[in-house]
Amino acid sequence: MYTISHEQKKVLKILGVAILALICLASIISFTATFKKIYKAGELHPIYSIHGSERVNHRVTIDTIQPWMTFNYLNVVFNMPASYLQNGLGIIDPSYPNIRIDTYIKRHKLNSTVFFTGVKQVITSYTNK
């Protein structure tokens, strides 16, 4: 019959703790990677404002479009095909549709007022069909 010595028990405990630590680390890395993908895809929507406990208004209209929104977010909110804004605005950026509007404006050195007017016109033309 084989018996485990005190030293072997210590080694087994250390191995067990090391394996658990590796599993925890892998879980954290996986969660972080998934969170980043969801965030970049624009799928995270705040329930509460970070500036207070009031609820965030989730109703987006043409007049409430904000610079932080992504084109993907607008496509989903206004129920448009993925390429509708891209074609309507002539967007050729490889980050489309997961790029924020303000980032796109800065990257391409556009006039924000003119660009937002164009965005609103394209969305209005789609919603009035």
N, C-alpha and C. Protein backbone atom coordinates (compact mmCIF):
# COMPACT_ATOMS: atom_id res chain seq x y z
N MET A 1 0.83 -1.17 0.00
CA MET A 1 0.00 0.00 0.00
C MET A 1 0.88 1.25 0.00
N TYR A 2 0.50 2.22 -0.79
CA TYR A 2 1.28 3.43 -0.95
C TYR A 2 0.75 4.51 -0.02
N THR A 3 1.64 5.15 0.72
CA THR A 3 1.24 6.24 1.61
C THR A 3 1.91 7.52 1.15
N ILE A 4 1.22 8.61 1.39
CA ILE A 4 1.75 9.92 0.99
C ILE A 4 2.42 10.56 2.19
N SER A 5 3.65 10.99 1.98
CA SER A 5 4.39 11.61 3.07
C SER A 5 3.92 13.05 3.29
N HIS A 6 4.32 13.60 4.38
CA HIS A 6 3.97 14.98 4.73
C HIS A 6 4.48 15.96 3.67
N GLU A 7 5.67 15.73 3.17
CA GLU A 7 6.26 16.59 2.13
C GLU A 7 5.46 16.49 0.82
N GLN A 8 5.03 15.30 0.49
CA GLN A 8 4.24 15.11 -0.73
C GLN A 8 2.88 15.80 -0.61
N LYS A 9 2.27 15.79 0.58
CA LYS A 9 1.01 16.49 0.80
C LYS A 9 1.19 17.99 0.60
N LYS A 10 2.31 18.53 1.07
CA LYS A 10 2.60 19.96 0.90
C LYS A 10 2.71 20.32 -0.58
N VAL A 11 3.41 19.47 -1.31
CA VAL A 11 3.59 19.69 -2.74
C VAL A 11 2.24 19.64 -3.46
N LEU A 12 1.39 18.69 -3.10
CA LEU A 12 0.07 18.57 -3.71
C LEU A 12 -0.80 19.80 -3.40
N LYS A 13 -0.72 20.29 -2.17
CA LYS A 13 -1.47 21.50 -1.82
C LYS A 13 -0.99 22.69 -2.63
N ILE A 14 0.31 22.83 -2.76
CA ILE A 14 0.88 23.94 -3.53
C ILE A 14 0.46 23.84 -4.99
N LEU A 15 0.49 22.63 -5.55
CA LEU A 15 0.05 22.43 -6.93
C LEU A 15 -1.43 22.76 -7.08
N GLY A 16 -2.24 22.34 -6.12
CA GLY A 16 -3.67 22.64 -6.17
C GLY A 16 -3.95 24.13 -6.14
N VAL A 17 -3.26 24.85 -5.26
CA VAL A 17 -3.42 26.30 -5.17
C VAL A 17 -2.94 26.95 -6.46
N ALA A 18 -1.84 26.49 -7.01
CA ALA A 18 -1.31 27.05 -8.26
C ALA A 18 -2.30 26.84 -9.41
N ILE A 19 -2.89 25.65 -9.47
CA ILE A 19 -3.86 25.36 -10.54
C ILE A 19 -5.09 26.25 -10.38
N LEU A 20 -5.58 26.41 -9.15
CA LEU A 20 -6.72 27.30 -8.91
C LEU A 20 -6.39 28.75 -9.28
N ALA A 21 -5.18 29.17 -8.95
CA ALA A 21 -4.77 30.54 -9.30
C ALA A 21 -4.72 30.72 -10.82
N LEU A 22 -4.23 29.73 -11.54
CA LEU A 22 -4.20 29.79 -13.00
C LEU A 22 -5.60 29.83 -13.60
N ILE A 23 -6.51 29.05 -13.03
CA ILE A 23 -7.90 29.05 -13.51
C ILE A 23 -8.53 30.42 -13.27
N CYS A 24 -8.30 30.99 -12.09
CA CYS A 24 -8.82 32.34 -11.80
C CYS A 24 -8.24 33.37 -12.75
N LEU A 25 -6.96 33.31 -13.00
CA LEU A 25 -6.31 34.25 -13.91
C LEU A 25 -6.86 34.11 -15.32
N ALA A 26 -7.04 32.88 -15.78
CA ALA A 26 -7.59 32.66 -17.12
C ALA A 26 -9.02 33.19 -17.21
N SER A 27 -9.80 33.02 -16.15
CA SER A 27 -11.18 33.53 -16.13
C SER A 27 -11.19 35.05 -16.19
N ILE A 28 -10.33 35.69 -15.46
CA ILE A 28 -10.25 37.16 -15.47
C ILE A 28 -9.85 37.66 -16.84
N ILE A 29 -8.87 37.03 -17.45
CA ILE A 29 -8.43 37.43 -18.79
C ILE A 29 -9.55 37.24 -19.80
N SER A 30 -10.24 36.12 -19.72
CA SER A 30 -11.36 35.85 -20.63
C SER A 30 -12.48 36.88 -20.44
N PHE A 31 -12.83 37.18 -19.20
CA PHE A 31 -13.87 38.17 -18.91
C PHE A 31 -13.47 39.53 -19.46
N THR A 32 -12.23 39.94 -19.23
CA THR A 32 -11.76 41.24 -19.70
C THR A 32 -11.81 41.32 -21.22
N ALA A 33 -11.36 40.30 -21.90
CA ALA A 33 -11.38 40.29 -23.37
C ALA A 33 -12.81 40.37 -23.89
N THR A 34 -13.70 39.61 -23.28
CA THR A 34 -15.11 39.63 -23.70
C THR A 34 -15.73 41.00 -23.44
N PHE A 35 -15.44 41.58 -22.29
CA PHE A 35 -15.96 42.90 -21.94
C PHE A 35 -15.49 43.94 -22.94
N LYS A 36 -14.22 43.89 -23.32
CA LYS A 36 -13.69 44.85 -24.29
C LYS A 36 -14.39 44.71 -25.64
N LYS A 37 -14.62 43.47 -26.07
CA LYS A 37 -15.29 43.25 -27.36
C LYS A 37 -16.72 43.80 -27.32
N ILE A 38 -17.42 43.52 -26.23
CA ILE A 38 -18.80 44.01 -26.10
C ILE A 38 -18.80 45.53 -26.05
N TYR A 39 -17.86 46.12 -25.33
CA TYR A 39 -17.80 47.58 -25.23
C TYR A 39 -17.51 48.20 -26.59
N LYS A 40 -16.53 47.65 -27.32
CA LYS A 40 -16.19 48.19 -28.63
C LYS A 40 -17.32 48.02 -29.64
N ALA A 41 -18.11 46.97 -29.47
CA ALA A 41 -19.23 46.74 -30.37
C ALA A 41 -20.41 47.65 -30.05
N GLY A 42 -20.33 48.37 -28.95
CA GLY A 42 -21.40 49.29 -28.60
C GLY A 42 -22.60 48.62 -27.97
N GLU A 43 -22.41 47.44 -27.41
CA GLU A 43 -23.53 46.70 -26.84
C GLU A 43 -23.80 47.03 -25.37
N LEU A 44 -22.94 47.81 -24.75
CA LEU A 44 -23.16 48.18 -23.34
C LEU A 44 -23.99 49.44 -23.28
N HIS A 45 -25.04 49.40 -22.51
CA HIS A 45 -25.91 50.55 -22.36
C HIS A 45 -26.08 50.85 -20.87
N PRO A 46 -25.73 52.04 -20.42
CA PRO A 46 -25.83 52.34 -18.99
C PRO A 46 -27.29 52.41 -18.54
N ILE A 47 -27.55 51.93 -17.34
CA ILE A 47 -28.89 52.03 -16.76
C ILE A 47 -28.97 53.30 -15.92
N TYR A 48 -27.88 53.63 -15.26
CA TYR A 48 -27.83 54.83 -14.44
C TYR A 48 -26.70 55.73 -14.91
N SER A 49 -26.91 57.02 -14.72
CA SER A 49 -25.88 58.00 -15.06
C SER A 49 -24.74 57.88 -14.06
N ILE A 50 -23.53 58.11 -14.51
CA ILE A 50 -22.39 58.08 -13.58
C ILE A 50 -22.33 59.36 -12.74
N HIS A 51 -23.12 60.35 -13.10
CA HIS A 51 -23.12 61.62 -12.38
C HIS A 51 -24.21 61.70 -11.33
N GLY A 52 -24.97 60.67 -11.16
CA GLY A 52 -26.03 60.67 -10.18
C GLY A 52 -26.82 59.39 -10.25
N SER A 53 -27.86 59.30 -9.47
CA SER A 53 -28.63 58.06 -9.44
C SER A 53 -29.83 58.08 -10.37
N GLU A 54 -30.00 59.16 -11.15
CA GLU A 54 -31.15 59.21 -12.05
C GLU A 54 -30.98 58.21 -13.19
N ARG A 55 -32.10 57.70 -13.66
CA ARG A 55 -32.07 56.74 -14.75
C ARG A 55 -31.72 57.46 -16.05
N VAL A 56 -30.99 56.77 -16.91
CA VAL A 56 -30.63 57.31 -18.21
C VAL A 56 -31.81 57.10 -19.16
N ASN A 57 -32.11 58.11 -19.95
CA ASN A 57 -33.19 57.99 -20.93
C ASN A 57 -32.67 57.19 -22.12
N HIS A 58 -33.24 56.01 -22.34
CA HIS A 58 -32.78 55.14 -23.43
C HIS A 58 -33.43 55.47 -24.76
N ARG A 59 -34.39 56.38 -24.76
CA ARG A 59 -35.09 56.71 -25.99
C ARG A 59 -34.22 57.66 -26.81
N VAL A 60 -33.72 57.17 -27.91
CA VAL A 60 -32.88 57.97 -28.78
C VAL A 60 -33.72 58.45 -29.96
N THR A 61 -33.65 59.74 -30.21
CA THR A 61 -34.34 60.32 -31.36
C THR A 61 -33.29 61.01 -32.22
N ILE A 62 -33.73 61.51 -33.35
CA ILE A 62 -32.81 62.24 -34.24
C ILE A 62 -32.14 63.38 -33.47
N ASP A 63 -32.89 64.04 -32.61
CA ASP A 63 -32.37 65.21 -31.89
C ASP A 63 -31.50 64.86 -30.69
N THR A 64 -31.48 63.59 -30.28
CA THR A 64 -30.67 63.22 -29.12
C THR A 64 -29.43 62.40 -29.48
N ILE A 65 -29.07 62.38 -30.74
CA ILE A 65 -27.86 61.69 -31.17
C ILE A 65 -26.66 62.40 -30.54
N GLN A 66 -25.76 61.61 -29.95
CA GLN A 66 -24.62 62.15 -29.23
C GLN A 66 -23.30 61.71 -29.89
N PRO A 67 -22.24 62.50 -29.70
CA PRO A 67 -20.94 62.17 -30.30
C PRO A 67 -20.36 60.83 -29.83
N TRP A 68 -20.68 60.37 -28.62
CA TRP A 68 -20.12 59.13 -28.10
C TRP A 68 -20.74 57.89 -28.75
N MET A 69 -21.86 58.06 -29.43
CA MET A 69 -22.55 56.92 -30.04
C MET A 69 -21.74 56.39 -31.22
N THR A 70 -21.83 55.09 -31.42
CA THR A 70 -21.17 54.48 -32.59
C THR A 70 -22.18 54.38 -33.72
N PHE A 71 -21.68 54.17 -34.91
CA PHE A 71 -22.58 53.98 -36.05
C PHE A 71 -23.40 52.71 -35.87
N ASN A 72 -22.78 51.70 -35.28
CA ASN A 72 -23.51 50.46 -35.00
C ASN A 72 -24.68 50.73 -34.06
N TYR A 73 -24.44 51.52 -33.05
CA TYR A 73 -25.50 51.88 -32.09
C TYR A 73 -26.66 52.55 -32.82
N LEU A 74 -26.35 53.49 -33.70
CA LEU A 74 -27.41 54.18 -34.45
C LEU A 74 -28.14 53.21 -35.38
N ASN A 75 -27.40 52.31 -36.01
CA ASN A 75 -28.03 51.31 -36.88
C ASN A 75 -29.04 50.47 -36.10
N VAL A 76 -28.66 50.07 -34.89
CA VAL A 76 -29.54 49.23 -34.08
C VAL A 76 -30.73 50.04 -33.57
N VAL A 77 -30.46 51.22 -33.02
CA VAL A 77 -31.52 52.04 -32.43
C VAL A 77 -32.57 52.43 -33.47
N PHE A 78 -32.13 52.77 -34.67
CA PHE A 78 -33.06 53.20 -35.71
C PHE A 78 -33.45 52.06 -36.66
N ASN A 79 -33.03 50.85 -36.31
CA ASN A 79 -33.40 49.64 -37.06
C ASN A 79 -33.05 49.75 -38.55
N MET A 80 -31.82 50.17 -38.81
CA MET A 80 -31.34 50.34 -40.19
C MET A 80 -30.39 49.20 -40.54
N PRO A 81 -30.28 48.89 -41.83
CA PRO A 81 -29.27 47.91 -42.25
C PRO A 81 -27.87 48.40 -41.87
N ALA A 82 -26.96 47.47 -41.64
CA ALA A 82 -25.62 47.81 -41.16
C ALA A 82 -24.88 48.77 -42.09
N SER A 83 -25.13 48.69 -43.38
CA SER A 83 -24.38 49.53 -44.32
C SER A 83 -25.12 50.81 -44.71
N TYR A 84 -26.28 51.06 -44.14
CA TYR A 84 -27.08 52.21 -44.57
C TYR A 84 -26.37 53.54 -44.32
N LEU A 85 -25.90 53.75 -43.10
CA LEU A 85 -25.17 54.99 -42.80
C LEU A 85 -23.86 55.05 -43.57
N GLN A 86 -23.20 53.93 -43.68
CA GLN A 86 -21.93 53.87 -44.40
C GLN A 86 -22.10 54.35 -45.84
N ASN A 87 -23.11 53.83 -46.51
CA ASN A 87 -23.37 54.22 -47.90
C ASN A 87 -23.89 55.65 -48.00
N GLY A 88 -24.80 56.01 -47.09
CA GLY A 88 -25.41 57.33 -47.13
C GLY A 88 -24.44 58.45 -46.84
N LEU A 89 -23.43 58.17 -46.03
CA LEU A 89 -22.45 59.20 -45.65
C LEU A 89 -21.11 59.03 -46.36
N GLY A 90 -20.97 57.98 -47.15
CA GLY A 90 -19.72 57.74 -47.87
C GLY A 90 -18.57 57.37 -46.94
N ILE A 91 -18.84 56.61 -45.91
CA ILE A 91 -17.82 56.24 -44.92
C ILE A 91 -17.00 55.07 -45.45
N ILE A 92 -15.67 55.23 -45.46
CA ILE A 92 -14.78 54.16 -45.90
C ILE A 92 -13.83 53.71 -44.80
N ASP A 93 -14.05 54.20 -43.59
CA ASP A 93 -13.18 53.87 -42.45
C ASP A 93 -13.29 52.38 -42.13
N PRO A 94 -12.14 51.69 -41.95
CA PRO A 94 -12.17 50.25 -41.66
C PRO A 94 -12.78 49.93 -40.28
N SER A 95 -12.88 50.92 -39.40
CA SER A 95 -13.45 50.69 -38.08
C SER A 95 -14.97 50.74 -38.08
N TYR A 96 -15.56 51.14 -39.20
CA TYR A 96 -17.02 51.19 -39.28
C TYR A 96 -17.58 49.78 -39.13
N PRO A 97 -18.63 49.55 -38.38
CA PRO A 97 -19.54 50.48 -37.71
C PRO A 97 -19.23 50.69 -36.23
N ASN A 98 -18.11 50.14 -35.75
CA ASN A 98 -17.81 50.18 -34.32
C ASN A 98 -16.98 51.38 -33.90
N ILE A 99 -17.00 52.42 -34.68
CA ILE A 99 -16.26 53.62 -34.34
C ILE A 99 -17.24 54.68 -33.82
N ARG A 100 -16.81 55.39 -32.80
CA ARG A 100 -17.64 56.48 -32.27
C ARG A 100 -17.72 57.60 -33.30
N ILE A 101 -18.82 58.30 -33.29
CA ILE A 101 -19.00 59.39 -34.26
C ILE A 101 -17.94 60.47 -34.05
N ASP A 102 -17.69 60.85 -32.79
CA ASP A 102 -16.70 61.90 -32.54
C ASP A 102 -15.29 61.47 -32.96
N THR A 103 -14.98 60.20 -32.79
CA THR A 103 -13.67 59.69 -33.21
C THR A 103 -13.55 59.75 -34.73
N TYR A 104 -14.62 59.37 -35.42
CA TYR A 104 -14.62 59.43 -36.88
C TYR A 104 -14.42 60.86 -37.36
N ILE A 105 -15.11 61.81 -36.74
CA ILE A 105 -15.00 63.22 -37.12
C ILE A 105 -13.57 63.72 -36.93
N LYS A 106 -12.97 63.39 -35.78
CA LYS A 106 -11.59 63.82 -35.51
C LYS A 106 -10.60 63.17 -36.47
N ARG A 107 -10.78 61.86 -36.68
CA ARG A 107 -9.85 61.11 -37.54
C ARG A 107 -9.83 61.65 -38.96
N HIS A 108 -10.98 62.09 -39.45
CA HIS A 108 -11.08 62.55 -40.83
C HIS A 108 -11.16 64.07 -40.95
N LYS A 109 -10.93 64.75 -39.80
CA LYS A 109 -10.88 66.22 -39.76
C LYS A 109 -12.11 66.84 -40.42
N LEU A 110 -13.29 66.42 -39.95
CA LEU A 110 -14.55 66.90 -40.50
C LEU A 110 -15.15 67.97 -39.60
N ASN A 111 -16.03 68.77 -40.17
CA ASN A 111 -16.79 69.75 -39.41
C ASN A 111 -17.91 68.99 -38.70
N SER A 112 -17.93 69.03 -37.37
CA SER A 112 -18.89 68.22 -36.62
C SER A 112 -20.33 68.65 -36.89
N THR A 113 -20.59 69.94 -37.00
CA THR A 113 -21.95 70.41 -37.25
C THR A 113 -22.47 69.90 -38.59
N VAL A 114 -21.64 70.03 -39.61
CA VAL A 114 -22.02 69.58 -40.95
C VAL A 114 -22.22 68.06 -40.95
N PHE A 115 -21.31 67.33 -40.30
CA PHE A 115 -21.40 65.87 -40.29
C PHE A 115 -22.66 65.40 -39.56
N PHE A 116 -22.94 65.98 -38.39
CA PHE A 116 -24.14 65.59 -37.64
C PHE A 116 -25.41 65.90 -38.43
N THR A 117 -25.39 67.00 -39.16
CA THR A 117 -26.54 67.33 -40.01
C THR A 117 -26.73 66.23 -41.06
N GLY A 118 -25.63 65.78 -41.65
CA GLY A 118 -25.69 64.70 -42.64
C GLY A 118 -26.20 63.40 -42.03
N VAL A 119 -25.73 63.08 -40.82
CA VAL A 119 -26.18 61.87 -40.13
C VAL A 119 -27.68 61.93 -39.92
N LYS A 120 -28.15 63.08 -39.43
CA LYS A 120 -29.58 63.24 -39.16
C LYS A 120 -30.40 63.15 -40.44
N GLN A 121 -29.90 63.70 -41.52
CA GLN A 121 -30.62 63.65 -42.79
C GLN A 121 -30.72 62.22 -43.31
N VAL A 122 -29.63 61.47 -43.22
CA VAL A 122 -29.64 60.08 -43.70
C VAL A 122 -30.60 59.24 -42.87
N ILE A 123 -30.56 59.41 -41.56
CA ILE A 123 -31.47 58.64 -40.69
C ILE A 123 -32.92 59.04 -40.96
N THR A 124 -33.17 60.35 -41.12
CA THR A 124 -34.53 60.82 -41.40
C THR A 124 -35.04 60.24 -42.72
N SER A 125 -34.18 60.20 -43.73
CA SER A 125 -34.61 59.63 -45.01
C SER A 125 -34.96 58.15 -44.88
N TYR A 126 -34.26 57.43 -43.99
CA TYR A 126 -34.57 56.02 -43.80
C TYR A 126 -35.87 55.85 -43.00
N THR A 127 -36.03 56.62 -41.94
CA THR A 127 -37.20 56.45 -41.09
C THR A 127 -38.48 56.94 -41.75
N ASN A 128 -38.37 57.79 -42.76
CA ASN A 128 -39.55 58.30 -43.47
C ASN A 128 -39.97 57.41 -44.64
N LYS A 129 -39.25 56.32 -44.86
CA LYS A 129 -39.59 55.41 -45.98
C LYS A 129 -40.87 54.69 -45.68
